[in-house]
C-alpha atoms as a PDB file:
ATOM      1  CA  MET A   1       4.432-129.327   5.827  1.00  0.00           C
ATOM      2  CA  TRP A   2       5.594-125.808   5.049  1.00  0.00           C
ATOM      3  CA  ALA A   3       7.998-125.331   7.964  1.00  0.00           C
ATOM      4  CA  LEU A   4      11.632-125.948   7.057  1.00  0.00           C
ATOM      5  CA  PRO A   5      12.894-128.934   9.074  1.00  0.00           C
ATOM      6  CA  ASP A   6      15.965-128.772  11.289  1.00  0.00           C
ATOM      7  CA  ILE A   7      18.567-129.217   8.551  1.00  0.00           C
ATOM      8  CA  LYS A   8      21.417-130.116  10.916  1.00  0.00           C
ATOM      9  CA  ARG A   9      19.337-132.821  12.556  1.00  0.00           C
ATOM     10  CA  LEU A  10      18.056-133.999   9.164  1.00  0.00           C
ATOM     11  CA  ASN A  11      21.611-134.356   7.846  1.00  0.00           C
ATOM     12  CA  ALA A  12      22.836-136.045  11.039  1.00  0.00           C
ATOM     13  CA  ASN A  13      20.031-138.618  10.885  1.00  0.00           C
ATOM     14  CA  ALA A  14      20.729-139.207   7.203  1.00  0.00           C
ATOM     15  CA  ALA A  15      24.424-139.795   7.849  1.00  0.00           C
ATOM     16  CA  SER A  16      23.699-142.347  10.574  1.00  0.00           C
ATOM     17  CA  ASN A  17      21.013-144.124   8.519  1.00  0.00           C
ATOM     18  CA  ALA A  18      22.735-144.063   5.112  1.00  0.00           C
ATOM     19  CA  LYS A  19      23.967-147.671   5.204  1.00  0.00           C
ATOM     20  CA  LYS A  20      20.592-148.906   6.411  1.00  0.00           C
ATOM     21  CA  LEU A  21      18.756-147.116   3.589  1.00  0.00           C
ATOM     22  CA  LYS A  22      21.171-148.426   0.984  1.00  0.00           C
ATOM     23  CA  ARG A  23      20.666-151.981   2.228  1.00  0.00           C
ATOM     24  CA  GLU A  24      16.902-151.486   2.097  1.00  0.00           C
ATOM     25  CA  ALA A  25      17.088-150.235  -1.482  1.00  0.00           C
ATOM     26  CA  ALA A  26      19.235-153.220  -2.506  1.00  0.00           C
ATOM     27  CA  ARG A  27      16.903-155.864  -1.020  1.00  0.00           C
ATOM     28  CA  LYS A  28      15.477-158.309  -3.540  1.00  0.00           C
ATOM     29  CA  GLN A  29      12.316-158.778  -1.462  1.00  0.00           C
ATOM     30  CA  LYS A  30      10.532-155.446  -1.813  1.00  0.00           C
ATOM     31  CA  PRO A  31       7.649-154.015   0.242  1.00  0.00           C
ATOM     32  CA  GLN A  32       4.372-152.842  -1.274  1.00  0.00           C
ATOM     33  CA  CYS A  33       4.482-150.252  -4.066  1.00  0.00           C
ATOM     34  CA  ALA A  34       4.034-146.813  -2.492  1.00  0.00           C
ATOM     35  CA  ARG A  35       1.913-145.456  -5.353  1.00  0.00           C
ATOM     36  CA  CYS A  36      -0.327-148.508  -5.544  1.00  0.00           C
ATOM     37  CA  GLU A  37      -1.039-148.206  -1.827  1.00  0.00           C
ATOM     38  CA  CYS A  38      -2.184-144.607  -2.363  1.00  0.00           C
ATOM     39  CA  PHE A  39      -4.808-145.898  -4.810  1.00  0.00           C
ATOM     40  CA  GLY A  40      -5.933-148.741  -2.555  1.00  0.00           C
ATOM     41  CA  ARG A  41      -4.149-151.410  -4.564  1.00  0.00           C
ATOM     42  CA  LYS A  42      -1.773-154.062  -3.308  1.00  0.00           C
ATOM     43  CA  ARG A  43       1.180-154.826  -5.504  1.00  0.00           C
ATOM     44  CA  ARG A  44       4.744-155.706  -4.637  1.00  0.00           C
ATOM     45  CA  ALA A  45       7.345-153.074  -5.536  1.00  0.00           C
ATOM     46  CA  GLU A  46       9.960-154.037  -8.118  1.00  0.00           C
ATOM     47  CA  VAL A  47      12.219-150.974  -8.106  1.00  0.00           C
ATOM     48  CA  SER A  48      13.720-149.009  -5.219  1.00  0.00           C
ATOM     49  CA  PHE A  49      15.078-145.477  -5.466  1.00  0.00           C
ATOM     50  CA  LEU A  50      17.303-143.804  -2.881  1.00  0.00           C
ATOM     51  CA  VAL A  51      15.887-140.328  -2.252  1.00  0.00           C
ATOM     52  CA  TYR A  52      18.188-137.329  -1.722  1.00  0.00           C
ATOM     53  CA  ASP A  53      17.823-133.596  -1.108  1.00  0.00           C
ATOM     54  CA  ILE A  54      19.986-130.509  -1.692  1.00  0.00           C
ATOM     55  CA  PHE A  55      21.250-130.329   1.893  1.00  0.00           C
ATOM     56  CA  SER A  56      23.710-133.256   1.956  1.00  0.00           C
ATOM     57  CA  ASP A  57      25.005-136.172  -0.093  1.00  0.00           C
ATOM     58  CA  ASP A  58      23.458-138.827   2.145  1.00  0.00           C
ATOM     59  CA  PRO A  59      20.130-140.425   1.146  1.00  0.00           C
ATOM     60  CA  LYS A  60      17.131-139.314   3.179  1.00  0.00           C
ATOM     61  CA  ASP A  61      14.660-142.088   2.284  1.00  0.00           C
ATOM     62  CA  VAL A  62      13.868-144.997  -0.041  1.00  0.00           C
ATOM     63  CA  LEU A  63      11.026-144.967  -2.567  1.00  0.00           C
ATOM     64  CA  HIS A  64       9.620-148.370  -3.570  1.00  0.00           C
ATOM     65  CA  LEU A  65       7.562-148.601  -6.787  1.00  0.00           C
ATOM     66  CA  CYS A  66       6.340-151.264  -9.168  1.00  0.00           C
ATOM     67  CA  GLN A  67       7.459-151.003 -12.784  1.00  0.00           C
ATOM     68  CA  ASP A  68       4.019-149.820 -13.944  1.00  0.00           C
ATOM     69  CA  CYS A  69       4.034-146.885 -11.522  1.00  0.00           C
ATOM     70  CA  VAL A  70       7.506-145.557 -12.336  1.00  0.00           C
ATOM     71  CA  GLY A  71       7.050-142.289 -14.213  1.00  0.00           C
ATOM     72  CA  MET A  72       3.241-142.417 -14.183  1.00  0.00           C
ATOM     73  CA  SER A  73       2.923-139.204 -12.177  1.00  0.00           C
ATOM     74  CA  GLY A  74       6.347-137.658 -11.779  1.00  0.00           C
ATOM     75  CA  ASP A  75       9.959-138.669 -12.249  1.00  0.00           C
ATOM     76  CA  PRO A  76       9.849-141.265 -10.821  1.00  0.00           C
ATOM     77  CA  TRP A  77       6.789-140.225  -8.768  1.00  0.00           C
ATOM     78  CA  GLU A  78       4.887-137.149  -7.670  1.00  0.00           C
ATOM     79  CA  GLY A  79       6.903-135.041  -5.230  1.00  0.00           C
ATOM     80  CA  PHE A  80      10.250-136.204  -6.612  1.00  0.00           C
ATOM     81  CA  PHE A  81      12.403-135.587  -9.685  1.00  0.00           C
ATOM     82  CA  THR A  82      15.576-136.994 -11.194  1.00  0.00           C
ATOM     83  CA  CYS A  83      18.419-134.497 -11.591  1.00  0.00           C
ATOM     84  CA  ALA A  84      19.914-134.454 -15.097  1.00  0.00           C
ATOM     85  CA  ASP A  85      23.429-133.853 -13.749  1.00  0.00           C
ATOM     86  CA  CYS A  86      23.855-136.088 -10.686  1.00  0.00           C
ATOM     87  CA  ALA A  87      21.152-138.602 -11.789  1.00  0.00           C
ATOM     88  CA  ARG A  88      19.832-138.806  -8.223  1.00  0.00           C
ATOM     89  CA  VAL A  89      16.161-138.917  -7.265  1.00  0.00           C
ATOM     90  CA  MET A  90      15.553-135.685  -5.349  1.00  0.00           C
ATOM     91  CA  VAL A  91      12.850-134.284  -3.081  1.00  0.00           C
ATOM     92  CA  GLU A  92      11.009-131.487  -4.896  1.00  0.00           C
ATOM     93  CA  ASN A  93      10.452-129.368  -1.795  1.00  0.00           C
ATOM     94  CA  TYR A  94       9.976-129.268   1.981  1.00  0.00           C
ATOM     95  CA  THR A  95       8.494-125.745   2.040  1.00  0.00           C
ATOM     96  CA  TRP A  96       7.077-123.353  -0.583  1.00  0.00           C
ATOM     97  CA  GLU A  97      10.518-123.274  -2.185  1.00  0.00           C
ATOM     98  CA  ARG A  98      11.224-125.765  -4.969  1.00  0.00           C
ATOM     99  CA  TYR A  99      14.597-127.490  -5.103  1.00  0.00           C
ATOM    100  CA  ASP A 100      14.810-127.817  -8.889  1.00  0.00           C
ATOM    101  CA  VAL A 101      15.428-125.468 -11.789  1.00  0.00           C
ATOM    102  CA  GLN A 102      15.131-125.848 -15.555  1.00  0.00           C
ATOM    103  CA  LEU A 103      18.299-124.950 -17.485  1.00  0.00           C
ATOM    104  CA  GLY A 104      17.641-125.425 -21.175  1.00  0.00           C
ATOM    105  CA  GLU A 105      16.431-128.994 -21.566  1.00  0.00           C
ATOM    106  CA  ASP A 106      17.924-130.101 -18.241  1.00  0.00           C
ATOM    107  CA  ARG A 107      16.019-130.300 -14.977  1.00  0.00           C
ATOM    108  CA  LEU A 108      18.607-129.907 -12.237  1.00  0.00           C
ATOM    109  CA  CYS A 109      18.606-129.990  -8.473  1.00  0.00           C
ATOM    110  CA  LEU A 110      19.687-126.679  -6.949  1.00  0.00           C
ATOM    111  CA  ALA A 111      22.958-128.236  -5.771  1.00  0.00           C
ATOM    112  CA  CYS A 112      24.012-129.147  -9.325  1.00  0.00           C
ATOM    113  CA  ALA A 113      22.542-125.944 -10.749  1.00  0.00           C
ATOM    114  CA  ALA A 114      24.622-123.863  -8.321  1.00  0.00           C
ATOM    115  CA  GLU A 115      27.798-125.737  -9.258  1.00  0.00           C
ATOM    116  CA  ARG A 116      27.092-125.186 -12.964  1.00  0.00           C
ATOM    117  CA  HIS A 117      26.100-121.527 -12.557  1.00  0.00           C
ATOM    118  CA  PHE A 118      28.965-120.381 -10.331  1.00  0.00           C
ATOM    119  CA  SER A 119      31.574-122.221 -12.426  1.00  0.00           C
ATOM    120  CA  ASP A 120      30.639-120.307 -15.602  1.00  0.00           C
ATOM    121  CA  PRO A 121      32.800-117.148 -15.948  1.00  0.00           C
ATOM    122  CA  ALA A 122      30.021-115.528 -18.003  1.00  0.00           C
ATOM    123  CA  ASN A 123      27.856-115.286 -14.866  1.00  0.00           C
ATOM    124  CA  TRP A 124      30.308-113.086 -12.964  1.00  0.00           C
ATOM    125  CA  ILE A 125      29.985-109.309 -13.110  1.00  0.00           C
ATOM    126  CA  ASP A 126      32.627-106.620 -12.650  1.00  0.00           C
ATOM    127  CA  PRO A 127      31.219-104.310  -9.948  1.00  0.00           C
ATOM    128  CA  LYS A 128      32.891-101.290 -11.566  1.00  0.00           C
ATOM    129  CA  LEU A 129      30.601-101.706 -14.585  1.00  0.00           C
ATOM    130  CA  VAL A 130      27.334-101.569 -12.601  1.00  0.00           C
ATOM    131  CA  GLN A 131      25.801 -98.087 -12.809  1.00  0.00           C
ATOM    132  CA  GLU A 132      22.179 -98.784 -11.897  1.00  0.00           C
ATOM    133  CA  VAL A 133      20.128-101.526 -10.225  1.00  0.00           C
ATOM    134  CA  VAL A 134      16.517-102.099 -11.307  1.00  0.00           C
ATOM    135  CA  LEU A 135      13.813-104.697 -10.747  1.00  0.00           C
ATOM    136  CA  ALA A 136      12.104-105.087 -14.136  1.00  0.00           C
ATOM    137  CA  ARG A 137      10.003-108.223 -14.374  1.00  0.00           C
ATOM    138  CA  TYR A 138       9.936-110.399 -17.468  1.00  0.00           C
ATOM    139  CA  GLN A 139       6.999-109.803 -19.826  1.00  0.00           C
ATOM    140  CA  SER A 140       6.380-112.291 -22.633  1.00  0.00           C
ATOM    141  CA  SER A 141       4.582-109.605 -24.635  1.00  0.00           C
ATOM    142  CA  ARG A 142       7.848-107.688 -25.112  1.00  0.00           C
ATOM    143  CA  ASN A 143       9.148-110.325 -27.554  1.00  0.00           C
ATOM    144  CA  GLY A 144      12.777-110.486 -26.421  1.00  0.00           C
ATOM    145  CA  GLU A 145      13.065-106.812 -25.489  1.00  0.00           C
ATOM    146  CA  ASN A 146      13.042-107.466 -21.760  1.00  0.00           C
ATOM    147  CA  VAL A 147      15.804-105.993 -19.628  1.00  0.00           C
ATOM    148  CA  PRO A 148      18.523-108.699 -19.237  1.00  0.00           C
ATOM    149  CA  LEU A 149      20.194-109.582 -15.961  1.00  0.00           C
ATOM    150  CA  PHE A 150      23.107-107.295 -16.780  1.00  0.00           C
ATOM    151  CA  ASP A 151      23.738-105.048 -19.767  1.00  0.00           C
ATOM    152  CA  PRO A 152      27.439-104.015 -19.953  1.00  0.00           C
ATOM    153  CA  ALA A 153      26.580-101.303 -22.480  1.00  0.00           C
ATOM    154  CA  THR A 154      24.289 -99.448 -20.078  1.00  0.00           C
ATOM    155  CA  GLY A 155      25.573-100.734 -16.749  1.00  0.00           C
ATOM    156  CA  VAL A 156      22.030-101.721 -15.702  1.00  0.00           C
ATOM    157  CA  LEU A 157      21.715-104.732 -13.402  1.00  0.00           C
ATOM    158  CA  ASN A 158      18.179-106.150 -13.388  1.00  0.00           C
ATOM    159  CA  ILE A 159      17.939-108.265 -10.233  1.00  0.00           C
ATOM    160  CA  ALA A 160      14.476-109.496 -11.245  1.00  0.00           C
ATOM    161  CA  ARG A 161      16.270-111.758 -13.735  1.00  0.00           C
ATOM    162  CA  CYS A 162      18.469-113.475 -11.130  1.00  0.00           C
ATOM    163  CA  GLY A 163      18.213-117.232 -11.453  1.00  0.00           C
ATOM    164  CA  HIS A 164      17.131-119.461  -8.568  1.00  0.00           C
ATOM    165  CA  PHE A 165      20.296-121.448  -7.815  1.00  0.00           C
ATOM    166  CA  LEU A 166      20.335-121.637  -4.012  1.00  0.00           C
ATOM    167  CA  GLY A 167      17.747-122.605  -1.417  1.00  0.00           C
ATOM    168  CA  VAL A 168      17.252-121.600   2.206  1.00  0.00           C
ATOM    169  CA  GLU A 169      20.077-123.178   4.285  1.00  0.00           C
ATOM    170  CA  GLN A 170      21.532-124.943   1.247  1.00  0.00           C
ATOM    171  CA  PRO A 171      25.312-125.455   1.587  1.00  0.00           C
ATOM    172  CA  LEU A 172      27.318-123.232  -0.743  1.00  0.00           C
ATOM    173  CA  PRO A 173      29.461-124.773  -3.484  1.00  0.00           C
ATOM    174  CA  GLU A 174      33.128-125.015  -2.622  1.00  0.00           C
ATOM    175  CA  GLY A 175      34.934-121.754  -3.222  1.00  0.00           C
ATOM    176  CA  ILE A 176      31.847-119.514  -3.010  1.00  0.00           C
ATOM    177  CA  LYS A 177      31.381-116.903  -0.270  1.00  0.00           C
ATOM    178  CA  PHE A 178      28.187-115.063   0.697  1.00  0.00           C
ATOM    179  CA  VAL A 179      28.463-111.257   0.874  1.00  0.00           C
ATOM    180  CA  GLU A 180      24.991-109.780   1.457  1.00  0.00           C
ATOM    181  CA  ASN A 181      21.336-110.404   0.662  1.00  0.00           C
ATOM    182  CA  PHE A 182      18.284-108.240  -0.004  1.00  0.00           C
ATOM    183  CA  GLU A 183      14.668-109.374   0.368  1.00  0.00           C
ATOM    184  CA  PHE A 184      11.788-108.269  -1.844  1.00  0.00           C
ATOM    185  CA  ASP A 185       8.032-108.727  -1.765  1.00  0.00           C
ATOM    186  CA  SER A 186       7.115-111.289  -4.419  1.00  0.00           C
ATOM    187  CA  LEU A 187       3.824-109.509  -5.229  1.00  0.00           C
ATOM    188  CA  ASP A 188       4.792-105.898  -5.920  1.00  0.00           C
ATOM    189  CA  GLY A 189       8.608-106.092  -5.742  1.00  0.00           C
ATOM    190  CA  HIS A 190       9.177-103.519  -2.989  1.00  0.00           C
ATOM    191  CA  GLN A 191      12.271-104.091  -0.849  1.00  0.00           C
ATOM    192  CA  ILE A 192      11.600-105.591   2.572  1.00  0.00           C
ATOM    193  CA  SER A 193      15.071-105.842   4.086  1.00  0.00           C
ATOM    194  CA  GLY A 194      18.729-105.178   3.354  1.00  0.00           C
ATOM    195  CA  GLY A 195      20.638-102.058   2.453  1.00  0.00           C
ATOM    196  CA  ASP A 196      21.155-100.264  -0.834  1.00  0.00           C
ATOM    197  CA  VAL A 197      22.009-102.844  -3.519  1.00  0.00           C
ATOM    198  CA  LEU A 198      24.017-100.486  -5.742  1.00  0.00           C
ATOM    199  CA  GLU A 199      25.966 -99.115  -2.786  1.00  0.00           C
ATOM    200  CA  THR A 200      26.848-102.619  -1.610  1.00  0.00           C
ATOM    201  CA  ILE A 201      28.023-103.601  -5.099  1.00  0.00           C
ATOM    202  CA  GLY A 202      30.160-100.461  -5.231  1.00  0.00           C
ATOM    203  CA  LEU A 203      32.064-101.626  -2.163  1.00  0.00           C
ATOM    204  CA  LEU A 204      33.061-104.907  -3.816  1.00  0.00           C
ATOM    205  CA  GLY A 205      36.579-105.063  -5.171  1.00  0.00           C
ATOM    206  CA  GLU A 206      36.150-108.191  -7.247  1.00  0.00           C
ATOM    207  CA  PRO A 207      33.659-109.857  -9.623  1.00  0.00           C
ATOM    208  CA  PHE A 208      30.405-110.955  -8.015  1.00  0.00           C
ATOM    209  CA  CYS A 209      27.526-113.238  -8.904  1.00  0.00           C
ATOM    210  CA  PRO A 210      23.933-112.278  -7.968  1.00  0.00           C
ATOM    211  CA  VAL A 211      21.422-115.120  -7.540  1.00  0.00           C
ATOM    212  CA  LEU A 212      18.002-115.736  -6.070  1.00  0.00           C
ATOM    213  CA  ASP A 213      19.054-117.607  -2.927  1.00  0.00           C
ATOM    214  CA  ALA A 214      15.759-118.072  -1.063  1.00  0.00           C
ATOM    215  CA  GLY A 215      12.149-118.422  -2.088  1.00  0.00           C
ATOM    216  CA  TYR A 216       9.522-117.829   0.599  1.00  0.00           C
ATOM    217  CA  GLN A 217       5.744-117.880   0.396  1.00  0.00           C
ATOM    218  CA  PHE A 218       5.465-114.131  -0.113  1.00  0.00           C
ATOM    219  CA  ALA A 219       9.048-112.956  -0.650  1.00  0.00           C
ATOM    220  CA  VAL A 220      12.355-113.755  -2.310  1.00  0.00           C
ATOM    221  CA  SER A 221      15.971-113.061  -1.405  1.00  0.00           C
ATOM    222  CA  ILE A 222      18.629-111.848  -3.827  1.00  0.00           C
ATOM    223  CA  GLY A 223      22.141-112.640  -2.642  1.00  0.00           C
ATOM    224  CA  LEU A 224      25.551-111.385  -3.766  1.00  0.00           C
ATOM    225  CA  TYR A 225      28.387-113.919  -3.863  1.00  0.00           C
ATOM    226  CA  VAL A 226      32.134-113.800  -4.535  1.00  0.00           C
ATOM    227  CA  ARG A 227      34.901-116.355  -5.062  1.00  0.00           C
ATOM    228  CA  ARG A 228      36.920-117.680  -2.122  1.00  0.00           C
ATOM    229  CA  TRP A 229      38.846-120.810  -2.996  1.00  0.00           C
ATOM    230  CA  PRO A 230      39.502-122.992   0.102  1.00  0.00           C
ATOM    231  CA  VAL A 231      42.943-122.282   1.546  1.00  0.00           C
ATOM    232  CA  GLN A 232      43.573-125.964   2.344  1.00  0.00           C
ATOM    233  CA  LYS A 233      43.393-127.006  -1.340  1.00  0.00           C
ATOM    234  CA  PRO A 234      43.645-123.905  -3.541  1.00  0.00           C
ATOM    235  CA  PHE A 235      45.188-125.597  -6.585  1.00  0.00           C
ATOM    236  CA  LYS A 236      42.943-128.635  -7.090  1.00  0.00           C
ATOM    237  CA  GLY A 237      41.780-129.169 -10.686  1.00  0.00           C
ATOM    238  CA  LEU A 238      42.043-127.004 -13.800  1.00  0.00           C
ATOM    239  CA  PHE A 239      41.430-123.261 -13.980  1.00  0.00           C
ATOM    240  CA  THR A 240      40.583-120.654 -16.598  1.00  0.00           C
ATOM    241  CA  LYS A 241      39.839-116.940 -16.694  1.00  0.00           C
ATOM    242  CA  ALA A 242      37.219-114.859 -18.450  1.00  0.00           C
ATOM    243  CA  GLY A 243      37.900-114.468 -22.168  1.00  0.00           C
ATOM    244  CA  ASP A 244      40.536-117.238 -22.196  1.00  0.00           C
ATOM    245  CA  ASN A 245      39.772-120.671 -23.631  1.00  0.00           C
ATOM    246  CA  ARG A 246      42.713-122.333 -21.901  1.00  0.00           C
ATOM    247  CA  ALA A 247      42.191-124.688 -18.964  1.00  0.00           C
ATOM    248  CA  CYS A 248      45.440-125.095 -17.053  1.00  0.00           C
ATOM    249  CA  PRO A 249      46.485-126.359 -13.627  1.00  0.00           C
ATOM    250  CA  ILE A 250      48.071-124.074 -11.074  1.00  0.00           C
ATOM    251  CA  THR A 251      51.591-125.232 -10.380  1.00  0.00           C
ATOM    252  CA  PHE A 252      54.009-124.147  -7.674  1.00  0.00           C
ATOM    253  CA  SER A 253      57.367-122.824  -8.820  1.00  0.00           C
ATOM    254  CA  LYS A 254      60.163-123.768  -6.433  1.00  0.00           C
ATOM    255  CA  ARG A 255      62.481-121.370  -8.227  1.00  0.00           C
ATOM    256  CA  TYR A 256      60.248-118.342  -7.636  1.00  0.00           C
ATOM    257  CA  ASN A 257      58.545-119.737  -4.527  1.00  0.00           C
ATOM    258  CA  ALA A 258      55.129-118.806  -5.958  1.00  0.00           C
ATOM    259  CA  PRO A 259      52.162-120.477  -7.696  1.00  0.00           C
ATOM    260  CA  ARG A 260      51.805-119.934 -11.452  1.00  0.00           C
ATOM    261  CA  TRP A 261      49.059-120.376 -14.046  1.00  0.00           C
ATOM    262  CA  ALA A 262      50.063-120.680 -17.713  1.00  0.00           C
ATOM    263  CA  GLY A 263      53.536-119.465 -16.703  1.00  0.00           C
ATOM    264  CA  ILE A 264      52.200-116.329 -14.989  1.00  0.00           C
ATOM    265  CA  ALA A 265      52.571-115.778 -11.248  1.00  0.00           C
ATOM    266  CA  LEU A 266      49.367-115.441  -9.244  1.00  0.00           C
ATOM    267  CA  ASP A 267      48.570-112.085  -7.673  1.00  0.00           C
ATOM    268  CA  ASP A 268      49.041-111.550  -3.955  1.00  0.00           C
ATOM    269  CA  GLY A 269      46.272-113.053  -1.863  1.00  0.00           C
ATOM    270  CA  TRP A 270      46.495-116.628  -3.117  1.00  0.00           C
ATOM    271  CA  GLU A 271      47.504-117.703   0.394  1.00  0.00           C
ATOM    272  CA  LYS A 272      43.980-116.694   1.486  1.00  0.00           C
ATOM    273  CA  GLY A 273      42.352-118.583  -1.360  1.00  0.00           C
ATOM    274  CA  ILE A 274      41.910-115.535  -3.647  1.00  0.00           C
ATOM    275  CA  LEU A 275      43.139-116.724  -7.046  1.00  0.00           C
ATOM    276  CA  ARG A 276      43.846-113.979  -9.596  1.00  0.00           C
ATOM    277  CA  ILE A 277      46.107-113.336 -12.577  1.00  0.00           C
ATOM    278  CA  GLU A 278      46.944-109.683 -13.312  1.00  0.00           C
ATOM    279  CA  GLY A 279      43.758-108.649 -11.546  1.00  0.00           C
ATOM    280  CA  ASN A 280      41.573-111.206 -13.328  1.00  0.00           C
ATOM    281  CA  PRO A 281      39.975-113.919 -11.164  1.00  0.00           C
ATOM    282  CA  LEU A 282      40.598-117.572 -12.000  1.00  0.00           C
ATOM    283  CA  PHE A 283      37.650-119.951 -12.219  1.00  0.00           C
ATOM    284  CA  GLN A 284      37.825-123.679 -11.688  1.00  0.00           C
ATOM    285  CA  VAL A 285      36.793-125.692 -14.735  1.00  0.00           C
ATOM    286  CA  PRO A 286      33.971-128.122 -13.802  1.00  0.00           C
ATOM    287  CA  ALA A 287      35.006-131.756 -13.823  1.00  0.00           C
ATOM    288  CA  PRO A 288      33.287-133.865 -16.517  1.00  0.00           C
ATOM    289  CA  ILE A 289      30.135-135.612 -15.324  1.00  0.00           C
ATOM    290  CA  LYS A 290      30.535-139.367 -14.972  1.00  0.00           C
ATOM    291  CA  GLU A 291      27.601-141.234 -16.409  1.00  0.00           C
ATOM    292  CA  ALA A 292      25.995-143.831 -14.163  1.00  0.00           C
ATOM    293  CA  ALA A 293      26.725-147.419 -15.125  1.00  0.00           C
END
């Protein structure tokens, strides 16, 4: 149960079986309720849920339940949860690592949580401001005086406060590039692998985002990520920059033969998908979430 399955094979099987699973979920004649069967009861299911995971957009299974069992022990059942953003029923985990995170009142799958986290300019840190890296765990007894993830006033980056927004072998959100990771023992916090975190950050020439990107049975991984907008579609959607409340498209000026944002030409490097204005990176504004009918 605790060995991560072959993700490529899992996704390939899901892609080939997607239509079959969707037909099964849409059938009016349902099989027995899965939860009732676990308790030795026989009752025909009345509701079918397509089950997804964080590794692809194709359904991996179908969950059949009677109305009385929906939500009795889980959402909609034990081992699954419903993501507040994408509204899909998701698998909680395949290994020790959970595939959900609580952000405020919302329980999100890691795929949606990563999209939300990386798209927020407030979560990106200027490497020039980082003076020290520590691992100071949260203590409820300190009543709000815990060391935050990053304190611009002191330059202290506390990697113990990195949020869990990526799972092992989870596809990265579009426009995000992995730089380096560092593994730590989950019991005492000593570093197991990777180089010097502060030294690696010092080599970065652009804002970065540190996240917990793997949770193992006895260790965790902290990864550093930067922006790399796909070259094939660098101007899709609306963009903003840190400290600016405007959300504008990037247009291409035929007169100047260059892309512009809010009338300002992009810095060199846009051809490689690096979108900046006067040294400040541009962030894509998340598209509004469409509510399910």
